[in-house]
């Protein structure tokens, strides 16, 4: 009887003793994904990020009044209009839209 009690107690304690804390998830959306301190040219990286943030903010302001169904297209048009090569931006955006549509169709199956 004593052996059973000791074995049960050890088993209960062992589970808690060897349990590992979960790894901390990054805080915020994709945190650290664009860490400019690790880039070859951190100053240029920060400059690109700032330009993109400004362009995105401008596009969000322009598309805020649009209904949700039209907002994605509005954002794409606004962002690509501000890009260095608008035609290339539009082509990449259409490719991403097609991949997104395929993923949605696969998830439905």
PDB file of N, CA and C in Angstrom:
ATOM      1  N   UNK A   1       0.829  -1.181   0.000  1.00  0.00           N
ATOM      2  CA  UNK A   1       0.000   0.000   0.000  1.00  0.00           C
ATOM      3  C   UNK A   1       0.882   1.258   0.000  1.00  0.00           C
ATOM      4  N   UNK A   2       1.900   1.249   0.824  1.00  0.00           N
ATOM      5  CA  UNK A   2       2.805   2.391   0.916  1.00  0.00           C
ATOM      6  C   UNK A   2       3.547   2.599  -0.401  1.00  0.00           C
ATOM      7  N   UNK A   3       3.943   1.485  -1.017  1.00  0.00           N
ATOM      8  CA  UNK A   3       4.634   1.579  -2.305  1.00  0.00           C
ATOM      9  C   UNK A   3       3.739   2.240  -3.352  1.00  0.00           C
ATOM     10  N   UNK A   4       2.506   1.881  -3.367  1.00  0.00           N
ATOM     11  CA  UNK A   4       1.560   2.439  -4.331  1.00  0.00           C
ATOM     12  C   UNK A   4       1.391   3.938  -4.106  1.00  0.00           C
ATOM     13  N   UNK A   5       1.265   4.337  -2.838  1.00  0.00           N
ATOM     14  CA  UNK A   5       1.132   5.759  -2.517  1.00  0.00           C
ATOM     15  C   UNK A   5       2.366   6.545  -2.937  1.00  0.00           C
ATOM     16  N   UNK A   6       3.540   6.027  -2.640  1.00  0.00           N
ATOM     17  CA  UNK A   6       4.789   6.700  -2.995  1.00  0.00           C
ATOM     18  C   UNK A   6       4.922   6.786  -4.514  1.00  0.00           C
ATOM     19  N   UNK A   7       4.624   5.709  -5.218  1.00  0.00           N
ATOM     20  CA  UNK A   7       4.724   5.703  -6.676  1.00  0.00           C
ATOM     21  C   UNK A   7       3.756   6.715  -7.282  1.00  0.00           C
ATOM     22  N   UNK A   8       2.549   6.795  -6.762  1.00  0.00           N
ATOM     23  CA  UNK A   8       1.560   7.744  -7.256  1.00  0.00           C
ATOM     24  C   UNK A   8       2.010   9.176  -6.996  1.00  0.00           C
ATOM     25  N   UNK A   9       2.540   9.424  -5.802  1.00  0.00           N
ATOM     26  CA  UNK A   9       3.016  10.765  -5.456  1.00  0.00           C
ATOM     27  C   UNK A   9       4.183  11.166  -6.359  1.00  0.00           C
ATOM     28  N   UNK A  10       5.115  10.245  -6.594  1.00  0.00           N
ATOM     29  CA  UNK A  10       6.251  10.549  -7.472  1.00  0.00           C
ATOM     30  C   UNK A  10       5.792  10.820  -8.906  1.00  0.00           C
ATOM     31  N   UNK A  11       4.837  10.059  -9.348  1.00  0.00           N
ATOM     32  CA  UNK A  11       4.321  10.239 -10.698  1.00  0.00           C
ATOM     33  C   UNK A  11       3.658  11.615 -10.840  1.00  0.00           C
ATOM     34  N   UNK A  12       2.903  12.011  -9.832  1.00  0.00           N
ATOM     35  CA  UNK A  12       2.235  13.310  -9.868  1.00  0.00           C
ATOM     36  C   UNK A  12       3.255  14.453  -9.832  1.00  0.00           C
ATOM     37  N   UNK A  13       4.277  14.323  -9.009  1.00  0.00           N
ATOM     38  CA  UNK A  13       5.297  15.362  -8.886  1.00  0.00           C
ATOM     39  C   UNK A  13       6.168  15.412 -10.138  1.00  0.00           C
ATOM     40  N   UNK A  14       6.460  14.261 -10.738  1.00  0.00           N
ATOM     41  CA  UNK A  14       7.328  14.207 -11.918  1.00  0.00           C
ATOM     42  C   UNK A  14       6.696  14.962 -13.088  1.00  0.00           C
ATOM     43  N   UNK A  15       5.396  14.838 -13.237  1.00  0.00           N
ATOM     44  CA  UNK A  15       4.719  15.543 -14.326  1.00  0.00           C
ATOM     45  C   UNK A  15       4.895  17.046 -14.208  1.00  0.00           C
ATOM     46  N   UNK A  16       4.743  17.562 -13.010  1.00  0.00           N
ATOM     47  CA  UNK A  16       4.893  18.997 -12.797  1.00  0.00           C
ATOM     48  C   UNK A  16       6.365  19.418 -12.858  1.00  0.00           C
ATOM     49  N   UNK A  17       7.254  18.565 -12.383  1.00  0.00           N
ATOM     50  CA  UNK A  17       8.673  18.919 -12.347  1.00  0.00           C
ATOM     51  C   UNK A  17       9.280  18.994 -13.745  1.00  0.00           C
ATOM     52  N   UNK A  18       8.818  18.141 -14.657  1.00  0.00           N
ATOM     53  CA  UNK A  18       9.396  18.119 -15.995  1.00  0.00           C
ATOM     54  C   UNK A  18       8.586  18.909 -17.016  1.00  0.00           C
ATOM     55  N   UNK A  19       7.523  19.512 -16.581  1.00  0.00           N
ATOM     56  CA  UNK A  19       6.730  20.322 -17.507  1.00  0.00           C
ATOM     57  C   UNK A  19       7.536  21.545 -17.907  1.00  0.00           C
ATOM     58  N   UNK A  20       7.436  21.904 -19.165  1.00  0.00           N
ATOM     59  CA  UNK A  20       8.182  23.052 -19.658  1.00  0.00           C
ATOM     60  C   UNK A  20       7.224  24.203 -19.924  1.00  0.00           C
ATOM     61  N   UNK A  21       7.684  25.373 -19.649  1.00  0.00           N
ATOM     62  CA  UNK A  21       6.883  26.550 -19.941  1.00  0.00           C
ATOM     63  C   UNK A  21       6.866  26.742 -21.455  1.00  0.00           C
ATOM     64  N   UNK A  22       5.749  27.172 -21.999  1.00  0.00           N
ATOM     65  CA  UNK A  22       5.702  27.383 -23.443  1.00  0.00           C
ATOM     66  C   UNK A  22       6.630  28.521 -23.850  1.00  0.00           C
ATOM     67  N   UNK A  23       7.180  28.391 -25.025  1.00  0.00           N
ATOM     68  CA  UNK A  23       8.052  29.449 -25.537  1.00  0.00           C
ATOM     69  C   UNK A  23       7.208  30.709 -25.727  1.00  0.00           C
ATOM     70  N   UNK A  24       7.792  31.850 -25.442  1.00  0.00           N
ATOM     71  CA  UNK A  24       7.036  33.087 -25.568  1.00  0.00           C
ATOM     72  C   UNK A  24       6.794  33.390 -27.032  1.00  0.00           C
ATOM     73  N   UNK A  25       5.548  33.632 -27.327  1.00  0.00           N
ATOM     74  CA  UNK A  25       5.184  34.008 -28.686  1.00  0.00           C
ATOM     75  C   UNK A  25       5.529  35.484 -28.876  1.00  0.00           C
ATOM     76  N   UNK A  26       5.890  35.857 -30.088  1.00  0.00           N
ATOM     77  CA  UNK A  26       6.188  37.262 -30.316  1.00  0.00           C
ATOM     78  C   UNK A  26       4.952  38.113 -30.057  1.00  0.00           C
ATOM     79  N   UNK A  27       5.166  39.239 -29.486  1.00  0.00           N
ATOM     80  CA  UNK A  27       4.057  40.124 -29.173  1.00  0.00           C
ATOM     81  C   UNK A  27       3.756  40.990 -30.387  1.00  0.00           C
ATOM     82  N   UNK A  28       2.507  41.055 -30.736  1.00  0.00           N
ATOM     83  CA  UNK A  28       2.105  41.838 -31.891  1.00  0.00           C
ATOM     84  C   UNK A  28       2.224  41.019 -33.156  1.00  0.00           C
ATOM     85  N   UNK A  29       1.684  41.524 -34.236  1.00  0.00           N
ATOM     86  CA  UNK A  29       1.701  40.786 -35.489  1.00  0.00           C
ATOM     87  C   UNK A  29       3.103  40.718 -36.091  1.00  0.00           C
ATOM     88  N   UNK A  30       3.599  39.540 -36.298  1.00  0.00           N
ATOM     89  CA  UNK A  30       4.882  39.274 -36.958  1.00  0.00           C
ATOM     90  C   UNK A  30       6.026  40.089 -36.388  1.00  0.00           C
ATOM     91  N   UNK A  31       6.074  40.189 -35.083  1.00  0.00           N
ATOM     92  CA  UNK A  31       7.127  40.972 -34.436  1.00  0.00           C
ATOM     93  C   UNK A  31       8.488  40.368 -34.760  1.00  0.00           C
ATOM     94  N   UNK A  32       9.426  41.193 -35.068  1.00  0.00           N
ATOM     95  CA  UNK A  32      10.780  40.738 -35.344  1.00  0.00           C
ATOM     96  C   UNK A  32      10.993  40.276 -36.768  1.00  0.00           C
ATOM     97  N   UNK A  33       9.924  40.229 -37.552  1.00  0.00           N
ATOM     98  CA  UNK A  33      10.062  39.752 -38.917  1.00  0.00           C
ATOM     99  C   UNK A  33      10.892  40.730 -39.750  1.00  0.00           C
ATOM    100  N   UNK A  34      10.804  41.991 -39.435  1.00  0.00           N
ATOM    101  CA  UNK A  34      11.547  43.007 -40.169  1.00  0.00           C
ATOM    102  C   UNK A  34      12.478  43.734 -39.207  1.00  0.00           C
ATOM    103  N   UNK A  35      13.395  43.001 -38.652  1.00  0.00           N
ATOM    104  CA  UNK A  35      14.326  43.571 -37.687  1.00  0.00           C
ATOM    105  C   UNK A  35      15.464  44.235 -38.451  1.00  0.00           C
ATOM    106  N   UNK A  36      15.412  45.539 -38.527  1.00  0.00           N
ATOM    107  CA  UNK A  36      16.407  46.280 -39.310  1.00  0.00           C
ATOM    108  C   UNK A  36      17.795  46.260 -38.675  1.00  0.00           C
ATOM    109  N   UNK A  37      17.892  45.937 -37.395  1.00  0.00           N
ATOM    110  CA  UNK A  37      19.207  45.904 -36.772  1.00  0.00           C
ATOM    111  C   UNK A  37      20.048  44.747 -37.322  1.00  0.00           C
ATOM    112  N   UNK A  38      19.385  43.744 -37.917  1.00  0.00           N
ATOM    113  CA  UNK A  38      20.096  42.601 -38.483  1.00  0.00           C
ATOM    114  C   UNK A  38      20.351  42.758 -39.987  1.00  0.00           C
ATOM    115  N   UNK A  39      19.856  43.835 -40.578  1.00  0.00           N
ATOM    116  CA  UNK A  39      19.991  44.048 -42.021  1.00  0.00           C
ATOM    117  C   UNK A  39      21.415  44.474 -42.377  1.00  0.00           C
ATOM    118  N   UNK A  40      21.754  44.315 -43.657  1.00  0.00           N
ATOM    119  CA  UNK A  40      23.075  44.738 -44.125  1.00  0.00           C
ATOM    120  C   UNK A  40      23.242  46.247 -43.980  1.00  0.00           C
ATOM    121  N   UNK A  41      22.168  46.975 -44.278  1.00  0.00           N
ATOM    122  CA  UNK A  41      22.189  48.435 -44.163  1.00  0.00           C
ATOM    123  C   UNK A  41      20.989  48.862 -43.311  1.00  0.00           C
ATOM    124  N   UNK A  42      21.168  48.900 -41.982  1.00  0.00           N
ATOM    125  CA  UNK A  42      20.046  49.202 -41.093  1.00  0.00           C
ATOM    126  C   UNK A  42      19.371  50.545 -41.365  1.00  0.00           C
ATOM    127  N   UNK A  43      20.144  51.539 -41.760  1.00  0.00           N
ATOM    128  CA  UNK A  43      19.575  52.863 -42.006  1.00  0.00           C
ATOM    129  C   UNK A  43      18.637  52.816 -43.226  1.00  0.00           C
ATOM    130  N   UNK A  44      19.058  52.147 -44.283  1.00  0.00           N
ATOM    131  CA  UNK A  44      18.224  52.029 -45.482  1.00  0.00           C
ATOM    132  C   UNK A  44      16.976  51.199 -45.187  1.00  0.00           C
ATOM    133  N   UNK A  45      17.132  50.172 -44.378  1.00  0.00           N
ATOM    134  CA  UNK A  45      16.003  49.326 -43.991  1.00  0.00           C
ATOM    135  C   UNK A  45      14.948  50.149 -43.248  1.00  0.00           C
ATOM    136  N   UNK A  46      15.389  50.931 -42.280  1.00  0.00           N
ATOM    137  CA  UNK A  46      14.457  51.780 -41.522  1.00  0.00           C
ATOM    138  C   UNK A  46      13.782  52.791 -42.429  1.00  0.00           C
ATOM    139  N   UNK A  47      14.522  53.307 -43.387  1.00  0.00           N
ATOM    140  CA  UNK A  47      13.964  54.283 -44.318  1.00  0.00           C
ATOM    141  C   UNK A  47      12.864  53.649 -45.170  1.00  0.00           C
ATOM    142  N   UNK A  48      13.109  52.421 -45.674  1.00  0.00           N
ATOM    143  CA  UNK A  48      12.095  51.706 -46.457  1.00  0.00           C
ATOM    144  C   UNK A  48      10.851  51.427 -45.623  1.00  0.00           C
ATOM    145  N   UNK A  49      11.066  51.007 -44.378  1.00  0.00           N
ATOM    146  CA  UNK A  49       9.926  50.721 -43.491  1.00  0.00           C
ATOM    147  C   UNK A  49       9.113  51.978 -43.235  1.00  0.00           C
ATOM    148  N   UNK A  50       9.782  53.098 -43.030  1.00  0.00           N
ATOM    149  CA  UNK A  50       9.092  54.356 -42.785  1.00  0.00           C
ATOM    150  C   UNK A  50       8.294  54.774 -44.017  1.00  0.00           C
ATOM    151  N   UNK A  51       8.897  54.638 -45.198  1.00  0.00           N
ATOM    152  CA  UNK A  51       8.199  54.981 -46.431  1.00  0.00           C
ATOM    153  C   UNK A  51       6.960  54.113 -46.611  1.00  0.00           C
ATOM    154  N   UNK A  52       7.092  52.815 -46.331  1.00  0.00           N
ATOM    155  CA  UNK A  52       5.951  51.921 -46.481  1.00  0.00           C
ATOM    156  C   UNK A  52       4.854  52.268 -45.477  1.00  0.00           C
ATOM    157  N   UNK A  53       5.240  52.544 -44.219  1.00  0.00           N
ATOM    158  CA  UNK A  53       4.238  52.913 -43.208  1.00  0.00           C
ATOM    159  C   UNK A  53       3.480  54.171 -43.637  1.00  0.00           C
ATOM    160  N   UNK A  54       4.215  55.156 -44.156  1.00  0.00           N
ATOM    161  CA  UNK A  54       3.580  56.391 -44.601  1.00  0.00           C
ATOM    162  C   UNK A  54       2.631  56.126 -45.771  1.00  0.00           C
ATOM    163  N   UNK A  55       3.074  55.309 -46.724  1.00  0.00           N
ATOM    164  CA  UNK A  55       2.237  54.990 -47.886  1.00  0.00           C
ATOM    165  C   UNK A  55       0.987  54.219 -47.445  1.00  0.00           C
ATOM    166  N   UNK A  56       1.156  53.280 -46.519  1.00  0.00           N
ATOM    167  CA  UNK A  56       0.015  52.500 -46.039  1.00  0.00           C
ATOM    168  C   UNK A  56      -0.985  53.393 -45.307  1.00  0.00           C
ATOM    169  N   UNK A  57      -0.481  54.315 -44.492  1.00  0.00           N
ATOM    170  CA  UNK A  57      -1.352  55.229 -43.755  1.00  0.00           C
ATOM    171  C   UNK A  57      -2.137  56.106 -44.727  1.00  0.00           C
ATOM    172  N   UNK A  58      -1.449  56.596 -45.761  1.00  0.00           N
ATOM    173  CA  UNK A  58      -2.102  57.425 -46.765  1.00  0.00           C
ATOM    174  C   UNK A  58      -3.196  56.622 -47.490  1.00  0.00           C
ATOM    175  N   UNK A  59      -2.899  55.378 -47.831  1.00  0.00           N
ATOM    176  CA  UNK A  59      -3.872  54.519 -48.513  1.00  0.00           C
ATOM    177  C   UNK A  59      -5.049  54.206 -47.590  1.00  0.00           C
ATOM    178  N   UNK A  60      -4.786  53.952 -46.323  1.00  0.00           N
ATOM    179  CA  UNK A  60      -5.867  53.680 -45.377  1.00  0.00           C
ATOM    180  C   UNK A  60      -6.785  54.877 -45.245  1.00  0.00           C
ATOM    181  N   UNK A  61      -6.212  56.070 -45.190  1.00  0.00           N
ATOM    182  CA  UNK A  61      -7.026  57.278 -45.102  1.00  0.00           C
ATOM    183  C   UNK A  61      -7.884  57.450 -46.352  1.00  0.00           C
ATOM    184  N   UNK A  62      -7.311  57.164 -47.523  1.00  0.00           N
ATOM    185  CA  UNK A  62      -8.044  57.311 -48.776  1.00  0.00           C
ATOM    186  C   UNK A  62      -9.161  56.275 -48.915  1.00  0.00           C
ATOM    187  N   UNK A  63      -8.966  55.104 -48.329  1.00  0.00           N
ATOM    188  CA  UNK A  63      -9.925  54.010 -48.501  1.00  0.00           C
ATOM    189  C   UNK A  63     -10.852  53.822 -47.300  1.00  0.00           C
ATOM    190  N   UNK A  64     -10.749  54.672 -46.307  1.00  0.00           N
ATOM    191  CA  UNK A  64     -11.536  54.493 -45.089  1.00  0.00           C
ATOM    192  C   UNK A  64     -13.038  54.561 -45.353  1.00  0.00           C
ATOM    193  N   UNK A  65     -13.459  55.393 -46.296  1.00  0.00           N
ATOM    194  CA  UNK A  65     -14.885  55.569 -46.561  1.00  0.00           C
ATOM    195  C   UNK A  65     -15.472  54.462 -47.431  1.00  0.00           C
ATOM    196  N   UNK A  66     -14.623  53.649 -48.016  1.00  0.00           N
ATOM    197  CA  UNK A  66     -15.103  52.578 -48.899  1.00  0.00           C
ATOM    198  C   UNK A  66     -15.732  51.459 -48.076  1.00  0.00           C
ATOM    199  N   UNK A  67     -16.722  50.777 -48.647  1.00  0.00           N
ATOM    200  CA  UNK A  67     -17.261  49.597 -47.941  1.00  0.00           C
ATOM    201  C   UNK A  67     -16.214  48.489 -47.902  1.00  0.00           C
ATOM    202  N   UNK A  68     -16.347  47.613 -46.950  1.00  0.00           N
ATOM    203  CA  UNK A  68     -15.352  46.549 -46.745  1.00  0.00           C
ATOM    204  C   UNK A  68     -15.096  45.745 -48.012  1.00  0.00           C
ATOM    205  N   UNK A  69     -16.126  45.489 -48.795  1.00  0.00           N
ATOM    206  CA  UNK A  69     -15.970  44.674 -50.001  1.00  0.00           C
ATOM    207  C   UNK A  69     -15.062  45.339 -51.046  1.00  0.00           C
ATOM    208  N   UNK A  70     -14.963  46.651 -51.026  1.00  0.00           N
ATOM    209  CA  UNK A  70     -14.139  47.365 -52.006  1.00  0.00           C
ATOM    210  C   UNK A  70     -12.805  47.831 -51.436  1.00  0.00           C
ATOM    211  N   UNK A  71     -12.613  47.698 -50.139  1.00  0.00           N
ATOM    212  CA  UNK A  71     -11.437  48.276 -49.493  1.00  0.00           C
ATOM    213  C   UNK A  71     -10.134  47.609 -49.933  1.00  0.00           C
ATOM    214  N   UNK A  72     -10.113  46.297 -50.100  1.00  0.00           N
ATOM    215  CA  UNK A  72      -8.879  45.618 -50.499  1.00  0.00           C
ATOM    216  C   UNK A  72      -8.392  46.125 -51.852  1.00  0.00           C
ATOM    217  N   UNK A  73      -9.311  46.236 -52.824  1.00  0.00           N
ATOM    218  CA  UNK A  73      -8.919  46.738 -54.142  1.00  0.00           C
ATOM    219  C   UNK A  73      -8.463  48.192 -54.065  1.00  0.00           C
ATOM    220  N   UNK A  74      -9.144  48.980 -53.258  1.00  0.00           N
ATOM    221  CA  UNK A  74      -8.754  50.385 -53.091  1.00  0.00           C
ATOM    222  C   UNK A  74      -7.348  50.488 -52.508  1.00  0.00           C
ATOM    223  N   UNK A  75      -7.067  49.691 -51.491  1.00  0.00           N
ATOM    224  CA  UNK A  75      -5.734  49.713 -50.871  1.00  0.00           C
ATOM    225  C   UNK A  75      -4.668  49.312 -51.888  1.00  0.00           C
ATOM    226  N   UNK A  76      -4.960  48.285 -52.674  1.00  0.00           N
ATOM    227  CA  UNK A  76      -3.998  47.836 -53.689  1.00  0.00           C
ATOM    228  C   UNK A  76      -3.724  48.954 -54.680  1.00  0.00           C
ATOM    229  N   UNK A  77      -4.778  49.591 -55.171  1.00  0.00           N
ATOM    230  CA  UNK A  77      -4.607  50.671 -56.151  1.00  0.00           C
ATOM    231  C   UNK A  77      -3.831  51.840 -55.560  1.00  0.00           C
ATOM    232  N   UNK A  78      -4.160  52.226 -54.343  1.00  0.00           N
ATOM    233  CA  UNK A  78      -3.479  53.351 -53.702  1.00  0.00           C
ATOM    234  C   UNK A  78      -2.004  53.046 -53.448  1.00  0.00           C
ATOM    235  N   UNK A  79      -1.725  51.849 -52.924  1.00  0.00           N
ATOM    236  CA  UNK A  79      -0.333  51.497 -52.636  1.00  0.00           C
ATOM    237  C   UNK A  79       0.490  51.375 -53.917  1.00  0.00           C
ATOM    238  N   UNK A  80      -0.096  50.774 -54.933  1.00  0.00           N
ATOM    239  CA  UNK A  80       0.648  50.610 -56.187  1.00  0.00           C
ATOM    240  C   UNK A  80       0.842  51.955 -56.898  1.00  0.00           C
ATOM    241  N   UNK A  81      -0.074  52.886 -56.707  1.00  0.00           N
ATOM    242  CA  UNK A  81       0.081  54.202 -57.318  1.00  0.00           C
ATOM    243  C   UNK A  81       1.287  54.933 -56.724  1.00  0.00           C
ATOM    244  N   UNK A  82       1.625  54.616 -55.486  1.00  0.00           N
ATOM    245  CA  UNK A  82       2.745  55.267 -54.815  1.00  0.00           C
ATOM    246  C   UNK A  82       4.063  54.513 -55.004  1.00  0.00           C
ATOM    247  N   UNK A  83       4.015  53.330 -55.611  1.00  0.00           N
ATOM    248  CA  UNK A  83       5.209  52.498 -55.770  1.00  0.00           C
ATOM    249  C   UNK A  83       6.134  53.068 -56.844  1.00  0.00           C
ATOM    250  N   UNK A  84       7.397  52.637 -56.794  1.00  0.00           N
ATOM    251  CA  UNK A  84       8.373  53.072 -57.800  1.00  0.00           C
ATOM    252  C   UNK A  84       7.984  52.559 -59.186  1.00  0.00           C
ATOM    253  N   UNK A  85       7.506  51.299 -59.241  1.00  0.00           N
ATOM    254  CA  UNK A  85       7.094  50.684 -60.500  1.00  0.00           C
ATOM    255  C   UNK A  85       5.657  50.195 -60.339  1.00  0.00           C
ATOM    256  N   UNK A  86       4.669  51.056 -60.644  1.00  0.00           N
ATOM    257  CA  UNK A  86       3.274  50.675 -60.420  1.00  0.00           C
ATOM    258  C   UNK A  86       2.828  49.426 -61.180  1.00  0.00           C
ATOM    259  N   UNK A  87       3.333  49.224 -62.383  1.00  0.00           N
ATOM    260  CA  UNK A  87       2.930  48.049 -63.168  1.00  0.00           C
ATOM    261  C   UNK A  87       3.410  46.758 -62.494  1.00  0.00           C
ATOM    262  N   UNK A  88       4.639  46.765 -62.023  1.00  0.00           N
ATOM    263  CA  UNK A  88       5.189  45.597 -61.337  1.00  0.00           C
ATOM    264  C   UNK A  88       4.416  45.339 -60.034  1.00  0.00           C
ATOM    265  N   UNK A  89       4.092  46.415 -59.326  1.00  0.00           N
ATOM    266  CA  UNK A  89       3.325  46.302 -58.088  1.00  0.00           C
ATOM    267  C   UNK A  89       1.968  45.671 -58.361  1.00  0.00           C
ATOM    268  N   UNK A  90       1.270  46.122 -59.409  1.00  0.00           N
ATOM    269  CA  UNK A  90      -0.037  45.569 -59.760  1.00  0.00           C
ATOM    270  C   UNK A  90       0.070  44.083 -60.106  1.00  0.00           C
ATOM    271  N   UNK A  91       1.109  43.716 -60.854  1.00  0.00           N
ATOM    272  CA  UNK A  91       1.282  42.309 -61.230  1.00  0.00           C
ATOM    273  C   UNK A  91       1.500  41.438 -60.000  1.00  0.00           C
ATOM    274  N   UNK A  92       2.337  41.907 -59.082  1.00  0.00           N
ATOM    275  CA  UNK A  92       2.583  41.139 -57.853  1.00  0.00           C
ATOM    276  C   UNK A  92       1.326  41.045 -56.997  1.00  0.00           C
ATOM    277  N   UNK A  93       0.561  42.122 -56.951  1.00  0.00           N
ATOM    278  CA  UNK A  93      -0.671  42.129 -56.164  1.00  0.00           C
ATOM    279  C   UNK A  93      -1.684  41.144 -56.740  1.00  0.00           C
ATOM    280  N   UNK A  94      -1.754  41.075 -58.054  1.00  0.00           N
ATOM    281  CA  UNK A  94      -2.684  40.129 -58.685  1.00  0.00           C
ATOM    282  C   UNK A  94      -2.248  38.689 -58.433  1.00  0.00           C
ATOM    283  N   UNK A  95      -0.940  38.437 -58.441  1.00  0.00           N
ATOM    284  CA  UNK A  95      -0.434  37.095 -58.120  1.00  0.00           C
ATOM    285  C   UNK A  95      -0.799  36.708 -56.689  1.00  0.00           C
ATOM    286  N   UNK A  96      -0.618  37.642 -55.763  1.00  0.00           N
ATOM    287  CA  UNK A  96      -0.968  37.371 -54.359  1.00  0.00           C
ATOM    288  C   UNK A  96      -2.463  37.114 -54.212  1.00  0.00           C
ATOM    289  N   UNK A  97      -3.281  37.874 -54.944  1.00  0.00           N
ATOM    290  CA  UNK A  97      -4.731  37.689 -54.882  1.00  0.00           C
ATOM    291  C   UNK A  97      -5.120  36.311 -55.403  1.00  0.00           C
ATOM    292  N   UNK A  98      -4.461  35.887 -56.454  1.00  0.00           N
ATOM    293  CA  UNK A  98      -4.747  34.550 -57.013  1.00  0.00           C
ATOM    294  C   UNK A  98      -4.354  33.448 -56.033  1.00  0.00           C
ATOM    295  N   UNK A  99      -3.183  33.599 -55.398  1.00  0.00           N
ATOM    296  CA  UNK A  99      -2.767  32.598 -54.389  1.00  0.00           C
ATOM    297  C   UNK A  99      -3.726  32.585 -53.208  1.00  0.00           C
ATOM    298  N   UNK A 100      -4.185  33.769 -52.808  1.00  0.00           N
ATOM    299  CA  UNK A 100      -5.130  33.867 -51.694  1.00  0.00           C
ATOM    300  C   UNK A 100      -6.434  33.150 -52.057  1.00  0.00           C
ATOM    301  N   UNK A 101      -6.896  33.361 -53.292  1.00  0.00           N
ATOM    302  CA  UNK A 101      -8.129  32.726 -53.746  1.00  0.00           C
ATOM    303  C   UNK A 101      -7.973  31.197 -53.758  1.00  0.00           C
ATOM    304  N   UNK A 102      -6.813  30.708 -54.211  1.00  0.00           N
ATOM    305  CA  UNK A 102      -6.555  29.266 -54.215  1.00  0.00           C
ATOM    306  C   UNK A 102      -6.545  28.697 -52.805  1.00  0.00           C
ATOM    307  N   UNK A 103      -5.937  29.413 -51.851  1.00  0.00           N
ATOM    308  CA  UNK A 103      -5.912  28.931 -50.470  1.00  0.00           C
ATOM    309  C   UNK A 103      -7.320  28.848 -49.903  1.00  0.00           C
ATOM    310  N   UNK A 104      -8.149  29.840 -50.205  1.00  0.00           N
ATOM    311  CA  UNK A 104      -9.519  29.839 -49.715  1.00  0.00           C
ATOM    312  C   UNK A 104     -10.274  28.647 -50.283  1.00  0.00           C
ATOM    313  N   UNK A 105     -10.082  28.376 -51.570  1.00  0.00           N
ATOM    314  CA  UNK A 105     -10.755  27.237 -52.204  1.00  0.00           C
ATOM    315  C   UNK A 105     -10.274  25.917 -51.611  1.00  0.00           C
ATOM    316  N   UNK A 106      -8.974  25.796 -51.322  1.00  0.00           N
ATOM    317  CA  UNK A 106      -8.443  24.568 -50.728  1.00  0.00           C
ATOM    318  C   UNK A 106      -8.993  24.354 -49.324  1.00  0.00           C
ATOM    319  N   UNK A 107      -9.140  25.443 -48.578  1.00  0.00           N
ATOM    320  CA  UNK A 107      -9.655  25.326 -47.207  1.00  0.00           C
ATOM    321  C   UNK A 107     -11.134  24.942 -47.191  1.00  0.00           C
ATOM    322  N   UNK A 108     -11.859  25.247 -48.246  1.00  0.00           N
ATOM    323  CA  UNK A 108     -13.267  24.879 -48.322  1.00  0.00           C
ATOM    324  C   UNK A 108     -13.464  23.396 -48.561  1.00  0.00           C
ATOM    325  N   UNK A 109     -12.468  22.766 -49.195  1.00  0.00           N
ATOM    326  CA  UNK A 109     -12.585  21.333 -49.538  1.00  0.00           C
ATOM    327  C   UNK A 109     -12.423  20.456 -48.341  1.00  0.00           C
TER     328      UNK A 109
END
